[in-house]
Amino acid sequence: MISLTPRKEIPLTLTLMTPLVAIALTLVVGAAIFGILGYDPLAALYQFFIAPVSRPYQVADLFVKACPLIIIASGLVFAYRANVWNIGAEGQLILGAMAAGFVALTWPNLPGPVMMPAMIIAGMLGGLAWGMIPALLKTRFNTNEILVSLMLTYVAVLFIDWTVRGPWRDPMSFGFPLTPMYADAALISRVELPGIGRLGQLHWGVAGALIFALAAWFMLSRSILGFQVKVMGDAPRAGRFAGFSPAMVTIMVMGISGGAAGLAGMVEVSANIGQLQPDISFGYGFTAIIVAFLARLNPLAVIIAGLVVALAELGGDSAQIALAMPKVVTGVFKGILLFMLLAGETFNRYHVTFSLPHRARMQGDSDA
């Protein structure tokens, strides 16, 4: 039998060593799998971990890939800290992108200083409104927010698909499900460094993502709002005794996480796509759940976790191109990496003990 006992204190050395051991085990297991499948293990590992960041512009692209993950995961931290399980960030991302797109397409002649703040607000309100549905159903009818938020994701996918094929489709798209391109004022500009110019696809939304993560950390660690979230998550009875409302906390954290996902949708479309289409996300809303837990529900650590997961995604693409490696193989390796990191987190938080079942021990004693 395997039993898990929570650690009263987690040593700093264990906290630092756990991810290193997890990555080392990933390298060993991954190299063995690549060798068995007939690929050069060293070349495969190089494509996964070194090639995607071997040039400055590639490092910039890594931050671009991590940008939506950082924003969404920073918002999800609030919900998960309060033991409210928002699994529908993907749908909230889509609704946020659609709300921001509505502003960009309805008023294309707005000046830049008005257009961009209006799109940011609309994107956050769109994600927030979609997140309010499971929140209100939970507080009013005690429904399961996991199921409701997850099912609403598929509603959002169908909604944007219908919209871009119907009322919002560009008449000049030759039948493709695309909206008109956004005006220049609705596009997030690229970062240009003096004497260097542009670094890959790096855009100002990345800076916004880092600021958002810092703001989330400040709110959780230095505000009464963050205190309420932590108390209701760690000790709900104590929170109710202190006068905190579980319903209000649920609505608050679902609103924050939904608004963050909506903001990520607005940034992703405005910075990288420039128009609405059926596929505006590559599963960022679901991947951000992993990022949040890899970061141990710490918004500052979300930045590092987002970069690690983004590196695994870019490394998989690099291995497919350079080594003609099937997507399923790269998916297996990314799964191993995430499994090792999450397993390391389990060993970090709990004492793991192995013992024989009681009946087996009794049999062993009688045989002796």
Protein backbone atom coordinates (compact mmCIF):
# COMPACT_ATOMS: atom_id res chain seq x y z
CA MET A 1 0.00 0.00 0.00
CA ILE A 2 1.06 3.57 -0.68
CA SER A 3 0.19 6.30 1.80
CA LEU A 4 0.71 10.04 1.48
CA THR A 5 1.30 12.15 4.59
CA PRO A 6 1.42 15.96 4.18
CA ARG A 7 4.74 17.48 5.17
CA LYS A 8 4.54 20.02 7.98
CA GLU A 9 7.45 21.93 6.48
CA ILE A 10 8.98 21.72 3.02
CA PRO A 11 12.78 22.20 3.13
CA LEU A 12 14.18 24.72 0.68
CA THR A 13 16.72 22.21 -0.62
CA LEU A 14 13.90 19.79 -1.45
CA THR A 15 11.98 22.54 -3.23
CA LEU A 16 15.03 23.36 -5.35
CA MET A 17 16.08 19.77 -6.04
CA THR A 18 12.65 18.34 -6.95
CA PRO A 19 12.27 20.00 -10.38
CA LEU A 20 15.92 19.29 -11.22
CA VAL A 21 15.49 15.59 -10.45
CA ALA A 22 12.22 15.53 -12.40
CA ILE A 23 13.88 17.04 -15.47
CA ALA A 24 16.84 14.64 -15.17
CA LEU A 25 14.49 11.66 -15.05
CA THR A 26 12.62 13.06 -18.05
CA LEU A 27 15.88 13.22 -20.01
CA VAL A 28 16.76 9.62 -19.14
CA VAL A 29 13.33 8.19 -19.91
CA GLY A 30 12.93 10.33 -23.02
CA ALA A 31 16.34 9.33 -24.38
CA ALA A 32 15.47 5.66 -23.87
CA ILE A 33 12.17 6.06 -25.72
CA PHE A 34 13.79 7.93 -28.62
CA GLY A 35 16.48 5.23 -28.88
CA ILE A 36 13.92 2.43 -28.91
CA LEU A 37 11.98 4.18 -31.68
CA GLY A 38 15.10 4.56 -33.81
CA TYR A 39 15.92 8.25 -33.26
CA ASP A 40 19.24 9.64 -32.10
CA PRO A 41 18.55 10.40 -28.40
CA LEU A 42 21.03 13.28 -28.19
CA ALA A 43 19.74 14.90 -31.37
CA ALA A 44 16.15 14.56 -30.16
CA LEU A 45 16.90 16.11 -26.78
CA TYR A 46 18.81 18.91 -28.51
CA GLN A 47 15.76 19.71 -30.64
CA PHE A 48 13.51 19.73 -27.59
CA PHE A 49 15.55 21.84 -25.20
CA ILE A 50 18.34 23.69 -27.06
CA ALA A 51 17.24 24.38 -30.62
CA PRO A 52 14.11 26.40 -29.65
CA VAL A 53 16.26 28.91 -27.69
CA SER A 54 19.52 28.83 -29.63
CA ARG A 55 19.03 32.31 -31.13
CA PRO A 56 17.83 35.59 -29.58
CA TYR A 57 14.73 35.80 -31.76
CA GLN A 58 13.82 32.25 -30.75
CA VAL A 59 13.99 33.23 -27.08
CA ALA A 60 11.62 36.07 -27.92
CA ASP A 61 9.26 33.61 -29.62
CA LEU A 62 9.37 31.46 -26.48
CA PHE A 63 7.98 34.37 -24.47
CA VAL A 64 5.32 34.93 -27.13
CA LYS A 65 4.25 31.29 -26.85
CA ALA A 66 4.17 31.53 -23.05
CA CYS A 67 2.27 34.83 -23.01
CA PRO A 68 -1.34 33.50 -23.00
CA LEU A 69 -0.36 30.67 -20.64
CA ILE A 70 1.02 33.16 -18.10
CA ILE A 71 -2.07 35.37 -18.23
CA ILE A 72 -4.59 32.54 -17.94
CA ALA A 73 -2.67 30.62 -15.27
CA SER A 74 -2.25 33.77 -13.15
CA GLY A 75 -6.04 34.12 -13.11
CA LEU A 76 -6.66 30.43 -12.46
CA VAL A 77 -4.42 30.62 -9.38
CA PHE A 78 -7.10 32.72 -7.65
CA ALA A 79 -9.80 30.12 -8.31
CA TYR A 80 -7.70 27.11 -7.34
CA ARG A 81 -6.40 28.79 -4.19
CA ALA A 82 -10.05 29.12 -3.13
CA ASN A 83 -10.84 25.48 -4.09
CA VAL A 84 -13.07 26.67 -6.93
CA TRP A 85 -12.30 24.55 -9.98
CA ASN A 86 -12.60 26.58 -13.15
CA ILE A 87 -11.86 24.15 -16.00
CA GLY A 88 -13.42 26.31 -18.71
CA ALA A 89 -10.71 28.89 -19.33
CA GLU A 90 -10.59 27.81 -22.97
CA GLY A 91 -14.18 28.90 -23.51
CA GLN A 92 -13.62 32.11 -21.56
CA LEU A 93 -10.62 32.86 -23.78
CA ILE A 94 -12.82 32.47 -26.88
CA LEU A 95 -15.56 34.74 -25.52
CA GLY A 96 -12.99 37.35 -24.54
CA ALA A 97 -11.51 37.28 -28.03
CA MET A 98 -15.00 37.60 -29.55
CA ALA A 99 -15.94 40.54 -27.31
CA ALA A 100 -12.71 42.34 -28.19
CA GLY A 101 -13.26 41.46 -31.84
CA PHE A 102 -16.73 42.98 -31.70
CA VAL A 103 -15.19 46.30 -30.68
CA ALA A 104 -12.49 46.10 -33.37
CA LEU A 105 -14.94 45.21 -36.16
CA THR A 106 -17.79 47.50 -35.14
CA TRP A 107 -15.73 50.66 -34.66
CA PRO A 108 -12.67 50.20 -36.91
CA ASN A 109 -12.00 53.95 -37.07
CA LEU A 110 -11.43 54.43 -33.36
CA PRO A 111 -8.02 56.02 -32.60
CA GLY A 112 -5.37 53.81 -31.06
CA PRO A 113 -5.46 55.36 -27.56
CA VAL A 114 -9.19 54.56 -27.43
CA MET A 115 -9.30 51.31 -29.40
CA MET A 116 -6.78 49.30 -27.39
CA PRO A 117 -8.16 50.07 -23.89
CA ALA A 118 -11.68 49.43 -25.20
CA MET A 119 -10.63 46.02 -26.56
CA ILE A 120 -8.84 45.11 -23.33
CA ILE A 121 -11.91 45.98 -21.25
CA ALA A 122 -14.24 44.18 -23.68
CA GLY A 123 -12.04 41.08 -23.71
CA MET A 124 -11.93 40.88 -19.93
CA LEU A 125 -15.68 41.48 -19.65
CA GLY A 126 -16.37 38.76 -22.22
CA GLY A 127 -14.33 36.18 -20.32
CA LEU A 128 -15.74 37.37 -17.00
CA ALA A 129 -19.33 37.03 -18.24
CA TRP A 130 -18.69 33.46 -19.45
CA GLY A 131 -17.08 32.63 -16.10
CA MET A 132 -20.05 34.06 -14.21
CA ILE A 133 -22.40 31.39 -15.58
CA PRO A 134 -20.86 28.46 -13.63
CA ALA A 135 -20.20 30.77 -10.66
CA LEU A 136 -23.82 31.86 -10.32
CA LEU A 137 -25.15 28.38 -10.94
CA LYS A 138 -22.86 27.05 -8.21
CA THR A 139 -23.80 29.69 -5.65
CA ARG A 140 -27.53 29.60 -6.47
CA PHE A 141 -28.19 25.94 -7.26
CA ASN A 142 -25.02 24.24 -5.95
CA THR A 143 -24.12 22.87 -9.38
CA ASN A 144 -20.67 21.47 -10.10
CA GLU A 145 -18.50 24.24 -11.54
CA ILE A 146 -16.13 21.71 -13.10
CA LEU A 147 -18.80 20.25 -15.37
CA VAL A 148 -20.53 23.53 -16.16
CA SER A 149 -17.37 25.46 -17.02
CA LEU A 150 -16.05 22.56 -19.11
CA MET A 151 -19.29 22.12 -21.07
CA LEU A 152 -19.49 25.85 -21.74
CA THR A 153 -16.14 25.54 -23.53
CA TYR A 154 -17.78 23.49 -26.27
CA VAL A 155 -20.61 25.99 -26.48
CA ALA A 156 -18.04 28.75 -27.00
CA VAL A 157 -16.26 26.75 -29.73
CA LEU A 158 -19.52 26.28 -31.62
CA PHE A 159 -20.50 29.91 -31.04
CA ILE A 160 -17.36 31.38 -32.61
CA ASP A 161 -17.53 28.84 -35.45
CA TRP A 162 -21.10 29.93 -36.27
CA THR A 163 -20.20 33.61 -35.96
CA VAL A 164 -17.23 33.58 -38.34
CA ARG A 165 -19.14 31.46 -40.86
CA GLY A 166 -22.25 33.60 -40.62
CA PRO A 167 -22.83 37.20 -39.52
CA TRP A 168 -19.18 38.21 -39.09
CA ARG A 169 -17.70 36.49 -42.15
CA ASP A 170 -15.70 38.73 -44.45
CA PRO A 171 -17.44 38.97 -47.86
CA MET A 172 -13.97 39.03 -49.43
CA SER A 173 -12.76 35.85 -47.70
CA PHE A 174 -13.70 33.67 -50.71
CA GLY A 175 -15.93 31.50 -48.55
CA PHE A 176 -13.37 30.86 -45.80
CA PRO A 177 -14.64 31.30 -42.20
CA LEU A 178 -12.76 34.51 -41.44
CA THR A 179 -13.77 37.94 -40.26
CA PRO A 180 -12.33 41.09 -41.84
CA MET A 181 -8.82 41.95 -40.73
CA TYR A 182 -8.54 44.27 -37.75
CA ALA A 183 -7.58 47.88 -38.30
CA ASP A 184 -4.00 48.82 -37.41
CA ALA A 185 -5.19 50.53 -34.22
CA ALA A 186 -6.60 47.19 -33.02
CA LEU A 187 -3.32 45.31 -33.43
CA ILE A 188 -0.77 44.95 -30.64
CA SER A 189 2.52 46.24 -32.01
CA ARG A 190 5.82 44.37 -32.08
CA VAL A 191 8.65 45.32 -29.75
CA GLU A 192 11.46 47.18 -31.50
CA LEU A 193 14.76 47.64 -29.67
CA PRO A 194 17.11 50.53 -30.53
CA GLY A 195 19.95 49.34 -32.74
CA ILE A 196 18.51 45.83 -32.92
CA GLY A 197 15.03 46.16 -34.36
CA ARG A 198 12.43 43.48 -33.91
CA LEU A 199 13.14 40.25 -32.05
CA GLY A 200 11.10 37.57 -33.76
CA GLN A 201 7.40 37.87 -32.98
CA LEU A 202 7.92 39.60 -29.63
CA HIS A 203 5.03 41.99 -28.93
CA TRP A 204 3.98 44.29 -26.11
CA GLY A 205 1.40 41.79 -24.90
CA VAL A 206 4.29 39.83 -23.37
CA ALA A 207 5.14 42.79 -21.14
CA GLY A 208 1.46 42.99 -20.21
CA ALA A 209 1.48 39.29 -19.25
CA LEU A 210 4.45 39.76 -16.93
CA ILE A 211 2.82 42.82 -15.32
CA PHE A 212 -0.41 40.85 -14.90
CA ALA A 213 1.43 38.02 -13.11
CA LEU A 214 3.12 40.52 -10.79
CA ALA A 215 -0.21 42.20 -10.05
CA ALA A 216 -1.79 38.80 -9.30
CA TRP A 217 1.03 38.00 -6.86
CA PHE A 218 0.57 41.36 -5.14
CA MET A 219 -3.18 40.87 -4.80
CA LEU A 220 -2.82 37.39 -3.36
CA SER A 221 -0.02 38.19 -0.94
CA ARG A 222 -0.63 41.83 0.03
CA SER A 223 -4.38 42.47 -0.10
CA ILE A 224 -7.47 41.57 1.91
CA LEU A 225 -8.90 40.01 -1.24
CA GLY A 226 -6.00 37.57 -1.41
CA PHE A 227 -6.35 36.86 2.30
CA GLN A 228 -10.01 35.95 1.82
CA VAL A 229 -9.13 33.65 -1.06
CA LYS A 230 -6.46 31.81 0.93
CA VAL A 231 -8.58 31.49 4.08
CA MET A 232 -11.62 30.17 2.19
CA GLY A 233 -9.40 27.70 0.37
CA ASP A 234 -7.42 26.46 3.37
CA ALA A 235 -10.03 26.66 6.14
CA PRO A 236 -13.58 27.36 4.90
CA ARG A 237 -15.10 27.08 8.38
CA ALA A 238 -12.66 29.64 9.75
CA GLY A 239 -13.43 31.91 6.82
CA ARG A 240 -17.16 31.75 7.48
CA PHE A 241 -16.52 32.41 11.18
CA ALA A 242 -14.51 35.49 10.17
CA GLY A 243 -17.47 36.77 8.18
CA PHE A 244 -16.27 35.90 4.66
CA SER A 245 -18.98 34.83 2.22
CA PRO A 246 -18.22 31.61 0.29
CA ALA A 247 -20.64 32.69 -2.46
CA MET A 248 -18.95 36.06 -2.90
CA VAL A 249 -15.49 34.51 -2.95
CA THR A 250 -16.64 32.00 -5.57
CA ILE A 251 -18.07 34.74 -7.77
CA MET A 252 -14.97 36.88 -7.26
CA VAL A 253 -12.39 34.22 -8.19
CA MET A 254 -14.42 32.95 -11.14
CA GLY A 255 -14.68 36.53 -12.36
CA ILE A 256 -10.94 37.10 -12.02
CA SER A 257 -10.00 33.84 -13.73
CA GLY A 258 -12.56 34.34 -16.48
CA GLY A 259 -11.45 37.93 -17.05
CA ALA A 260 -7.82 36.81 -17.27
CA ALA A 261 -8.69 34.17 -19.86
CA GLY A 262 -10.65 36.74 -21.84
CA LEU A 263 -7.68 39.10 -21.74
CA ALA A 264 -5.45 36.31 -23.04
CA GLY A 265 -7.85 35.74 -25.93
CA MET A 266 -7.79 39.42 -26.83
CA VAL A 267 -3.97 39.52 -26.74
CA GLU A 268 -3.57 36.32 -28.77
CA VAL A 269 -5.83 37.47 -31.60
CA SER A 270 -4.71 41.09 -31.69
CA ALA A 271 -1.00 40.28 -31.53
CA ASN A 272 -0.66 37.11 -33.60
CA ILE A 273 -3.72 36.59 -35.82
CA GLY A 274 -5.33 39.93 -36.58
CA GLN A 275 -8.82 38.54 -37.23
CA LEU A 276 -11.27 36.05 -35.78
CA GLN A 277 -11.37 32.51 -37.12
CA PRO A 278 -12.66 29.15 -35.83
CA ASP A 279 -9.32 28.19 -34.28
CA ILE A 280 -7.89 31.06 -32.28
CA SER A 281 -6.39 28.97 -29.48
CA PHE A 282 -4.13 25.95 -29.39
CA GLY A 283 -5.58 24.62 -26.17
CA TYR A 284 -4.10 27.43 -24.08
CA GLY A 285 -7.01 27.34 -21.62
CA PHE A 286 -6.43 23.68 -20.79
CA THR A 287 -2.62 23.85 -20.84
CA ALA A 288 -2.73 26.79 -18.42
CA ILE A 289 -4.26 24.48 -15.80
CA ILE A 290 -1.05 22.45 -15.85
CA VAL A 291 1.00 25.65 -15.69
CA ALA A 292 -0.89 26.83 -12.61
CA PHE A 293 -0.21 23.60 -10.73
CA LEU A 294 3.41 23.37 -11.89
CA ALA A 295 3.81 26.83 -10.37
CA ARG A 296 2.34 25.58 -7.07
CA LEU A 297 -0.39 28.20 -7.39
CA ASN A 298 2.15 31.03 -7.13
CA PRO A 299 1.71 33.80 -9.75
CA LEU A 300 5.43 34.59 -9.78
CA ALA A 301 6.30 30.95 -10.42
CA VAL A 302 3.66 30.92 -13.16
CA ILE A 303 6.12 32.88 -15.32
CA ILE A 304 8.76 30.14 -15.06
CA ALA A 305 6.22 27.32 -15.42
CA GLY A 306 4.72 28.99 -18.48
CA LEU A 307 8.13 29.22 -20.12
CA VAL A 308 8.87 25.54 -19.37
CA VAL A 309 5.61 24.37 -20.90
CA ALA A 310 6.05 26.70 -23.88
CA LEU A 311 9.56 25.29 -24.39
CA ALA A 312 8.12 21.77 -24.49
CA GLU A 313 5.59 22.89 -27.12
CA LEU A 314 8.19 24.60 -29.31
CA GLY A 315 10.62 21.72 -28.82
CA GLY A 316 8.01 19.28 -30.08
CA ASP A 317 7.52 21.38 -33.21
CA SER A 318 11.28 21.60 -33.72
CA ALA A 319 11.72 17.83 -33.39
CA GLN A 320 8.94 17.17 -35.90
CA ILE A 321 10.58 19.44 -38.47
CA ALA A 322 14.24 18.52 -37.96
CA LEU A 323 13.93 14.78 -37.32
CA ALA A 324 10.64 13.99 -39.07
CA MET A 325 9.43 12.78 -35.71
CA PRO A 326 5.69 11.98 -35.58
CA LYS A 327 3.54 14.30 -33.52
CA VAL A 328 2.44 11.41 -31.32
CA VAL A 329 6.07 10.79 -30.24
CA THR A 330 6.62 14.44 -29.33
CA GLY A 331 3.33 14.34 -27.46
CA VAL A 332 4.50 11.34 -25.44
CA PHE A 333 7.70 13.13 -24.48
CA LYS A 334 5.85 16.27 -23.42
CA GLY A 335 3.53 14.08 -21.39
CA ILE A 336 6.51 12.45 -19.65
CA LEU A 337 7.96 15.88 -18.83
CA LEU A 338 4.71 17.09 -17.28
CA PHE A 339 4.17 13.81 -15.45
CA MET A 340 7.64 13.94 -13.89
CA LEU A 341 7.20 17.55 -12.83
CA LEU A 342 3.80 16.88 -11.26
CA ALA A 343 5.05 13.68 -9.62
CA GLY A 344 7.97 15.65 -8.20
CA GLU A 345 5.51 18.14 -6.76
CA THR A 346 3.69 15.26 -5.04
CA PHE A 347 6.92 14.01 -3.43
CA ASN A 348 7.70 17.59 -2.47
CA ARG A 349 4.43 18.09 -0.60
CA TYR A 350 3.97 14.63 0.93
CA HIS A 351 5.90 11.91 2.69
CA VAL A 352 5.37 8.78 0.61
CA THR A 353 5.49 5.48 2.50
CA PHE A 354 5.13 1.97 1.14
CA SER A 355 3.76 -0.86 3.24
CA LEU A 356 2.17 -4.28 2.85
CA PRO A 357 -1.59 -4.60 3.32
CA HIS A 358 -2.67 -5.62 6.81
CA ARG A 359 -3.77 -9.09 5.69
CA ALA A 360 -0.46 -9.71 3.91
CA ARG A 361 1.45 -8.70 7.05
CA MET A 362 -0.62 -11.07 9.16
CA GLN A 363 0.06 -13.90 6.71
CA GLY A 364 3.77 -13.13 6.78
CA ASP A 365 3.83 -13.14 10.59
CA SER A 366 2.01 -16.46 10.74
CA ASP A 367 4.43 -18.04 8.26
CA ALA A 368 7.34 -16.87 10.39
